Amino acid sequence: MKTMSSAEVQNHFGSISNIVKSGEPLAVTQYGTPTMMILPYELATEALKDYNARKFAEFMDTMPSANADAPNLTLDQINSLVHELRP
């Protein structure tokens, strides 16, 4: 993986896009510190899917579990209750 400063990326974006389109990720630094990455579209799409799945799993872990005293309703019973509550 290549690393370039943000100034280099700004000044040479055309050649940078060719590097990334060829499949190679690029780390971008600001004042010598890595701050972001430019990824090929396919890789970025997969990374976002994984990230969103992880975030969703974390969210679900914070949800309270179902009450053990709650009745086990069938789908028909739930639909019936929903229809009863509709005006």
Protein backbone atom coordinates (compact mmCIF):
# COMPACT_ATOMS: atom_id res chain seq x y z
CA MET A 1 0.00 0.00 0.00
CA LYS A 2 1.31 3.40 -0.95
CA THR A 3 1.32 6.41 1.37
CA MET A 4 1.16 10.02 0.21
CA SER A 5 0.65 13.39 1.81
CA SER A 6 -2.64 15.19 1.32
CA ALA A 7 -0.79 17.87 -0.68
CA GLU A 8 0.58 15.22 -3.06
CA VAL A 9 -2.91 13.75 -3.47
CA GLN A 10 -4.36 17.18 -4.24
CA ASN A 11 -1.65 17.99 -6.77
CA HIS A 12 -1.66 14.59 -8.51
CA PHE A 13 -5.24 13.37 -8.20
CA GLY A 14 -5.38 11.98 -11.73
CA SER A 15 -2.44 9.66 -11.20
CA ILE A 16 -3.68 8.82 -7.69
CA SER A 17 -7.04 7.74 -9.09
CA ASN A 18 -5.25 5.46 -11.56
CA ILE A 19 -3.30 3.83 -8.72
CA VAL A 20 -6.49 3.22 -6.73
CA LYS A 21 -8.49 2.04 -9.76
CA SER A 22 -5.80 -0.56 -10.37
CA GLY A 23 -6.74 -2.10 -7.01
CA GLU A 24 -4.18 -0.60 -4.65
CA PRO A 25 -5.38 1.25 -1.53
CA LEU A 26 -3.67 4.56 -0.73
CA ALA A 27 -3.02 5.94 2.76
CA VAL A 28 -3.16 9.74 3.00
CA THR A 29 -1.22 11.63 5.64
CA GLN A 30 -1.54 15.12 7.03
CA TYR A 31 1.53 16.51 8.76
CA GLY A 32 3.00 13.00 8.72
CA THR A 33 0.04 11.34 10.43
CA PRO A 34 -2.16 8.89 8.53
CA THR A 35 -5.68 10.37 8.46
CA MET A 36 -7.57 8.51 5.73
CA MET A 37 -7.45 5.88 3.05
CA ILE A 38 -8.57 5.94 -0.53
CA LEU A 39 -9.86 2.52 -1.51
CA PRO A 40 -10.93 0.91 -4.76
CA TYR A 41 -14.74 1.03 -5.03
CA GLU A 42 -15.26 -2.73 -4.68
CA LEU A 43 -13.08 -2.94 -1.58
CA ALA A 44 -14.71 0.14 -0.02
CA THR A 45 -18.18 -1.30 -0.64
CA GLU A 46 -17.28 -4.54 1.11
CA ALA A 47 -15.63 -2.65 3.97
CA LEU A 48 -18.78 -0.55 4.47
CA LYS A 49 -20.97 -3.66 4.51
CA ASP A 50 -18.75 -5.23 7.18
CA TYR A 51 -18.66 -1.97 9.17
CA ASN A 52 -22.45 -1.56 9.05
CA ALA A 53 -23.02 -5.20 10.03
CA ARG A 54 -20.69 -4.77 13.01
CA LYS A 55 -22.42 -1.54 14.08
CA PHE A 56 -25.84 -3.20 13.78
CA ALA A 57 -24.66 -6.16 15.89
CA GLU A 58 -23.37 -3.73 18.54
CA PHE A 59 -26.73 -1.93 18.51
CA MET A 60 -28.64 -5.19 18.88
CA ASP A 61 -26.43 -6.16 21.82
CA THR A 62 -27.62 -3.04 23.65
CA MET A 63 -31.31 -3.93 23.20
CA PRO A 64 -33.04 -5.59 26.14
CA SER A 65 -33.84 -9.24 25.67
CA ALA A 66 -37.46 -10.33 25.37
CA ASN A 67 -39.38 -10.54 28.63
CA ALA A 68 -39.62 -14.17 29.72
CA ASP A 69 -43.17 -13.51 30.97
CA ALA A 70 -44.33 -12.28 27.56
CA PRO A 71 -46.68 -14.70 25.80
CA ASN A 72 -45.43 -16.58 22.77
CA LEU A 73 -47.78 -15.19 20.14
CA THR A 74 -48.22 -16.63 16.70
CA LEU A 75 -48.03 -14.40 13.65
CA ASP A 76 -51.83 -14.65 13.27
CA GLN A 77 -52.32 -13.52 16.87
CA ILE A 78 -49.99 -10.56 16.37
CA ASN A 79 -51.81 -9.55 13.18
CA SER A 80 -55.12 -9.80 15.01
CA LEU A 81 -53.86 -7.51 17.78
CA VAL A 82 -52.54 -4.99 15.28
CA HIS A 83 -55.87 -4.92 13.45
CA GLU A 84 -57.77 -4.48 16.74
CA LEU A 85 -55.71 -1.37 17.52
CA ARG A 86 -56.21 0.24 14.12
CA PRO A 87 -58.96 2.89 13.88
